[in-house]
Amino acid sequence: MLRVLAVDDEKPALEELLYLLRSDARIRSAEGATDATEALRRISRALDAGPDGEDGIDVVFLDIHMAGLTGLDVARLLAGFARPPLIVFVTAHEGFAVQAFDLKAVDYVLKPVRRERLAEAVRRVRELVVSARETRQPEPVGSAVPGPAVPAPVLHTAPAVAPPGAPPANAVGAEQIPVELGGVTRFVPIDDIAYAEAQGDYARLHTKDGSHLVRIPLSTLEERWASRGFVRIHRSHLVALARIDELRLDAGATTVRVGAAELAVSRRHARQLRDLLMRHARG
């Protein structure tokens, strides 16, 4: 069972989060902190006690906007420890997802927190904690027992993010990719995606209805979706060939129009793209 620290400088939000956490049978204990300083003091005490100590903490559910140090600041400080607790961000703001996952957050839950969405975050944390405990190497008598290792960023075919257990984007018969928006997991048909845009180690998928951020590098999508007619036109863009409405050549520069978007084509991809478009036009 999990030992949780929840951190939020808004007392009503903290009390609601603690109520939801304590009602989850997978949670052994859930304590609260109303500022970053108090949270860091408790985490430091937990780390000194070791993973099996009375004050141990498996995961911190962390608000981002707080007075003084922000949740992102706290996560950066924890990254300096050898065995920090896992992090789940709980925030009203969607715009920090990329920074959150760069800091190896397990999940990113949007407020107002829904019980079902929080339960999914708890499930992800529990899987990582149980896995770390099961793979923990036996130690000689009298030696310190290491805590759970900090997980690498969770790169599901998902946060803006695919939940664990969802089919990978290149699985046989996989016609959809799971994304999260407003704390709700939706399944976007791959055929609805006009183009994908690189954003660091993530990609933003553009459809006629909007965009979705997923924790998958553009190079991975390029490999997985090549058979579905997606082509790389630039280091920043992967485009569905069938969605290209127009190819333009202007003063040596090549661009394509995809719906309302005009995208640059790099020189190294321009000739291949023209050949592909010609073959596509011939059927």
Protein backbone atom coordinates (compact mmCIF):
# COMPACT_ATOMS: atom_id res chain seq x y z
CA MET A 1 0.00 0.00 0.00
CA LEU A 2 1.13 3.53 -0.78
CA ARG A 3 2.27 6.27 1.55
CA VAL A 4 1.33 9.66 0.13
CA LEU A 5 2.16 13.29 0.76
CA ALA A 6 -0.22 15.83 -0.84
CA VAL A 7 0.97 19.42 -1.23
CA ASP A 8 -1.30 22.40 -2.00
CA ASP A 9 -1.31 25.91 -0.53
CA GLU A 10 -5.10 26.17 -0.96
CA LYS A 11 -6.56 24.43 2.08
CA PRO A 12 -9.96 23.46 0.56
CA ALA A 13 -8.23 21.92 -2.46
CA LEU A 14 -5.80 20.06 -0.20
CA GLU A 15 -8.60 18.72 2.00
CA GLU A 16 -10.56 17.50 -1.02
CA LEU A 17 -7.50 15.79 -2.48
CA LEU A 18 -6.71 14.12 0.85
CA TYR A 19 -10.32 12.94 1.16
CA LEU A 20 -10.16 11.31 -2.26
CA LEU A 21 -6.77 9.74 -1.60
CA ARG A 22 -7.77 8.35 1.80
CA SER A 23 -10.86 6.75 0.29
CA ASP A 24 -8.67 4.69 -2.07
CA ALA A 25 -7.99 1.23 -0.67
CA ARG A 26 -4.49 1.24 -2.21
CA ILE A 27 -3.43 4.19 -0.02
CA ARG A 28 -2.03 3.26 3.40
CA SER A 29 -1.54 6.83 4.57
CA ALA A 30 -2.10 10.29 3.09
CA GLU A 31 -0.75 13.38 4.83
CA GLY A 32 -0.92 16.99 3.71
CA ALA A 33 1.42 20.00 3.51
CA THR A 34 0.35 23.56 2.73
CA ASP A 35 3.64 24.88 1.35
CA ALA A 36 6.82 23.74 -0.33
CA THR A 37 9.02 24.30 2.72
CA GLU A 38 6.92 22.02 4.90
CA ALA A 39 6.78 19.44 2.09
CA LEU A 40 10.56 19.41 1.64
CA ARG A 41 11.08 19.06 5.39
CA ARG A 42 8.78 16.01 5.51
CA ILE A 43 10.36 14.47 2.42
CA SER A 44 13.86 14.98 3.83
CA ARG A 45 12.80 13.27 7.05
CA ALA A 46 11.33 10.38 5.04
CA LEU A 47 14.52 9.97 3.02
CA ASP A 48 16.63 9.95 6.18
CA ALA A 49 14.41 7.22 7.62
CA GLY A 50 14.72 5.05 4.51
CA PRO A 51 11.97 3.51 2.34
CA ASP A 52 10.77 1.20 5.10
CA GLY A 53 10.86 3.83 7.82
CA GLU A 54 7.83 5.03 9.73
CA ASP A 55 7.89 8.38 7.89
CA GLY A 56 8.45 6.89 4.42
CA ILE A 57 6.81 8.54 1.38
CA ASP A 58 6.24 6.69 -1.87
CA VAL A 59 4.68 9.53 -3.88
CA VAL A 60 4.04 13.26 -3.65
CA PHE A 61 0.85 14.68 -5.19
CA LEU A 62 2.07 18.19 -5.90
CA ASP A 63 0.33 21.41 -6.90
CA ILE A 64 2.27 23.64 -9.30
CA HIS A 65 1.18 27.19 -8.43
CA MET A 66 2.06 27.86 -4.79
CA ALA A 67 3.37 30.83 -2.87
CA GLY A 68 7.15 30.81 -2.64
CA LEU A 69 8.58 27.72 -4.29
CA THR A 70 6.38 26.26 -7.02
CA GLY A 71 5.68 22.58 -7.47
CA LEU A 72 8.12 22.54 -10.37
CA ASP A 73 10.81 24.01 -8.09
CA VAL A 74 10.16 21.27 -5.54
CA ALA A 75 10.42 18.58 -8.23
CA ARG A 76 13.75 20.03 -9.44
CA LEU A 77 15.10 19.97 -5.89
CA LEU A 78 13.97 16.38 -5.38
CA ALA A 79 15.73 15.37 -8.60
CA GLY A 80 19.01 15.99 -6.77
CA PHE A 81 18.31 13.18 -4.29
CA ALA A 82 19.43 9.64 -4.98
CA ARG A 83 16.05 8.01 -4.24
CA PRO A 84 13.33 10.66 -4.22
CA PRO A 85 9.63 9.80 -4.00
CA LEU A 86 7.60 9.68 -7.18
CA ILE A 87 5.82 12.84 -8.33
CA VAL A 88 2.27 13.35 -9.56
CA PHE A 89 1.39 16.94 -10.42
CA VAL A 90 -2.13 18.12 -9.58
CA THR A 91 -2.87 21.50 -11.14
CA ALA A 92 -5.51 23.68 -12.76
CA HIS A 93 -3.14 24.60 -15.59
CA GLU A 94 -2.53 22.51 -18.72
CA GLY A 95 0.45 24.51 -19.92
CA PHE A 96 3.11 22.92 -17.70
CA ALA A 97 2.73 19.32 -18.89
CA VAL A 98 5.96 19.24 -20.91
CA GLN A 99 8.01 20.65 -18.01
CA ALA A 100 6.32 18.22 -15.63
CA PHE A 101 7.22 15.15 -17.65
CA ASP A 102 10.73 16.46 -18.26
CA LEU A 103 11.02 16.29 -14.47
CA LYS A 104 10.01 12.60 -14.65
CA ALA A 105 6.52 13.05 -13.23
CA VAL A 106 4.48 9.88 -13.24
CA ASP A 107 1.26 11.70 -14.09
CA TYR A 108 -0.33 15.11 -14.58
CA VAL A 109 -3.83 15.45 -13.12
CA LEU A 110 -5.93 18.50 -13.87
CA LYS A 111 -8.23 20.24 -11.39
CA PRO A 112 -11.02 19.92 -10.54
CA VAL A 113 -9.83 16.44 -9.62
CA ARG A 114 -12.19 13.63 -10.57
CA ARG A 115 -12.19 10.48 -8.48
CA GLU A 116 -11.77 8.23 -11.56
CA ARG A 117 -8.85 10.26 -12.89
CA LEU A 118 -7.10 10.28 -9.52
CA ALA A 119 -7.60 6.52 -9.25
CA GLU A 120 -5.80 6.10 -12.57
CA ALA A 121 -2.86 8.16 -11.27
CA VAL A 122 -2.74 6.01 -8.13
CA ARG A 123 -2.72 2.89 -10.29
CA ARG A 124 0.26 4.15 -12.29
CA VAL A 125 2.16 5.00 -9.12
CA ARG A 126 1.38 1.66 -7.50
CA GLU A 127 2.65 -0.25 -10.54
CA LEU A 128 5.98 1.57 -10.38
CA VAL A 129 6.36 1.22 -6.62
CA VAL A 130 5.50 -2.50 -6.65
CA SER A 131 7.85 -3.10 -9.57
CA ALA A 132 10.69 -1.29 -7.77
CA ARG A 133 10.10 -3.31 -4.61
CA GLU A 134 10.04 -6.61 -6.49
CA THR A 135 13.29 -5.88 -8.32
CA ARG A 136 15.09 -4.59 -5.25
CA GLN A 137 18.30 -6.57 -4.86
CA PRO A 138 18.90 -8.36 -1.53
CA GLU A 139 21.36 -6.49 0.66
CA PRO A 140 23.90 -7.93 3.10
CA VAL A 141 22.80 -7.93 6.74
CA GLY A 142 23.29 -4.50 8.29
CA SER A 143 23.38 -2.58 5.00
CA ALA A 144 20.92 0.13 4.08
CA VAL A 145 17.94 -0.87 1.97
CA PRO A 146 17.52 1.34 -1.13
CA GLY A 147 14.22 2.99 -1.88
CA PRO A 148 12.34 2.79 -5.16
CA ALA A 149 14.37 4.10 -8.09
CA VAL A 150 13.22 7.24 -9.85
CA PRO A 151 11.42 6.08 -12.98
CA ALA A 152 12.37 7.32 -16.42
CA PRO A 153 9.72 9.53 -18.06
CA VAL A 154 6.69 7.38 -18.81
CA LEU A 155 6.60 7.28 -22.59
CA HIS A 156 3.27 5.64 -23.22
CA THR A 157 1.71 5.87 -26.65
CA ALA A 158 -0.22 8.33 -24.73
CA PRO A 159 0.19 13.02 -21.07
CA ALA A 160 -1.75 14.60 -23.88
CA VAL A 161 -0.74 11.19 -22.61
CA ALA A 162 -1.52 7.52 -23.14
CA PRO A 163 -2.39 5.39 -20.10
CA PRO A 164 -0.34 2.26 -19.40
CA GLY A 165 -1.75 -0.85 -21.01
CA ALA A 166 -3.12 0.98 -24.02
CA PRO A 167 -2.17 -0.53 -27.39
CA PRO A 168 0.94 1.01 -28.96
CA ALA A 169 0.43 3.22 -31.97
CA ASN A 170 2.11 0.69 -34.26
CA ALA A 171 0.27 -2.40 -33.00
CA VAL A 172 -1.48 -4.54 -35.58
CA GLY A 173 -5.00 -3.23 -36.01
CA ALA A 174 -4.33 -0.14 -33.85
CA GLU A 175 -6.39 2.61 -35.48
CA GLN A 176 -6.36 5.08 -32.58
CA ILE A 177 -3.94 6.75 -30.22
CA PRO A 178 -4.97 7.55 -26.63
CA VAL A 179 -4.49 11.14 -25.46
CA GLU A 180 -5.51 13.07 -22.38
CA LEU A 181 -7.35 16.37 -22.34
CA GLY A 182 -8.74 17.96 -19.22
CA GLY A 183 -8.08 14.80 -17.24
CA VAL A 184 -10.11 12.64 -19.63
CA THR A 185 -8.51 9.95 -21.80
CA ARG A 186 -9.77 10.07 -25.39
CA PHE A 187 -8.94 7.84 -28.33
CA VAL A 188 -8.10 9.86 -31.43
CA PRO A 189 -8.32 8.04 -34.77
CA ILE A 190 -4.92 8.19 -36.44
CA ASP A 191 -6.67 8.92 -39.74
CA ASP A 192 -7.96 12.18 -38.19
CA ILE A 193 -4.44 13.47 -37.60
CA ALA A 194 -3.29 15.92 -40.28
CA TYR A 195 0.23 16.46 -38.99
CA ALA A 196 2.41 16.09 -35.90
CA GLU A 197 4.73 18.75 -34.57
CA ALA A 198 7.88 18.08 -32.54
CA GLN A 199 8.05 19.66 -29.10
CA GLY A 200 11.24 18.35 -27.53
CA ASP A 201 10.78 14.68 -26.62
CA TYR A 202 7.04 15.08 -27.17
CA ALA A 203 4.79 15.57 -30.17
CA ARG A 204 1.68 17.66 -30.68
CA LEU A 205 -0.92 16.00 -32.88
CA HIS A 206 -3.06 18.33 -34.98
CA THR A 207 -6.59 17.41 -36.06
CA LYS A 208 -9.43 19.52 -37.41
CA ASP A 209 -10.86 19.67 -33.88
CA GLY A 210 -7.72 20.83 -32.09
CA SER A 211 -4.37 19.49 -30.91
CA HIS A 212 -3.15 16.94 -28.38
CA LEU A 213 0.24 16.59 -26.71
CA VAL A 214 1.63 13.05 -26.41
CA ARG A 215 4.78 11.79 -24.71
CA ILE A 216 6.27 10.30 -27.86
CA PRO A 217 9.20 11.69 -29.88
CA LEU A 218 8.41 12.67 -33.46
CA SER A 219 11.04 10.20 -34.71
CA THR A 220 9.12 7.36 -33.06
CA LEU A 221 5.86 8.41 -34.70
CA GLU A 222 7.67 8.67 -38.04
CA GLU A 223 8.79 5.07 -37.76
CA ARG A 224 5.44 3.76 -36.53
CA TRP A 225 3.24 5.64 -38.97
CA ALA A 226 5.27 5.37 -42.19
CA SER A 227 2.98 2.61 -43.41
CA ARG A 228 -0.03 4.84 -42.76
CA GLY A 229 1.14 7.51 -45.21
CA PHE A 230 2.88 9.91 -42.82
CA VAL A 231 6.06 11.53 -44.16
CA ARG A 232 8.72 13.68 -42.54
CA ILE A 233 8.94 17.07 -44.23
CA HIS A 234 11.07 18.85 -41.66
CA ARG A 235 12.81 18.07 -38.39
CA SER A 236 9.76 19.63 -36.71
CA HIS A 237 6.90 18.19 -38.76
CA LEU A 238 5.46 14.83 -39.77
CA VAL A 239 2.55 15.13 -42.22
CA ALA A 240 -0.16 12.80 -43.49
CA LEU A 241 0.46 12.75 -47.22
CA ALA A 242 -3.25 12.59 -48.02
CA ARG A 243 -3.86 15.78 -45.98
CA ILE A 244 -1.52 17.97 -48.04
CA ASP A 245 -3.71 20.40 -49.99
CA GLU A 246 -1.00 22.35 -51.77
CA LEU A 247 2.74 22.31 -52.46
CA ARG A 248 4.37 25.69 -53.06
CA LEU A 249 7.78 26.63 -54.43
CA ASP A 250 8.73 30.26 -53.83
CA ALA A 251 12.25 31.66 -54.31
CA GLY A 252 13.80 28.30 -53.60
CA ALA A 253 11.73 27.69 -50.46
CA THR A 254 9.23 24.82 -50.34
CA THR A 255 6.09 24.83 -48.20
CA VAL A 256 2.95 22.75 -47.97
CA ARG A 257 -0.54 23.77 -46.96
CA VAL A 258 -2.34 21.39 -44.63
CA GLY A 259 -5.78 22.81 -43.96
CA ALA A 260 -5.18 26.30 -42.58
CA ALA A 261 -1.56 25.57 -41.65
CA GLU A 262 1.39 26.38 -43.88
CA LEU A 263 4.43 24.25 -43.05
CA ALA A 264 8.01 24.60 -44.21
CA VAL A 265 9.66 21.71 -46.06
CA SER A 266 13.38 21.32 -45.51
CA ARG A 267 15.64 21.00 -48.56
CA ARG A 268 16.68 17.46 -47.65
CA HIS A 269 13.03 16.35 -47.70
CA ALA A 270 11.73 18.46 -50.61
CA ARG A 271 12.62 16.13 -53.52
CA GLN A 272 11.33 13.01 -51.77
CA LEU A 273 8.09 14.80 -50.88
CA ARG A 274 7.51 15.92 -54.47
CA ASP A 275 8.07 12.36 -55.71
CA LEU A 276 5.69 10.95 -53.12
CA LEU A 277 3.01 13.50 -53.99
CA MET A 278 3.30 12.67 -57.66
CA ARG A 279 2.93 8.96 -56.99
CA HIS A 280 0.04 9.62 -54.65
CA ALA A 281 -1.70 11.75 -57.29
CA ARG A 282 -1.39 8.89 -59.78
CA GLY A 283 -3.05 6.56 -57.27
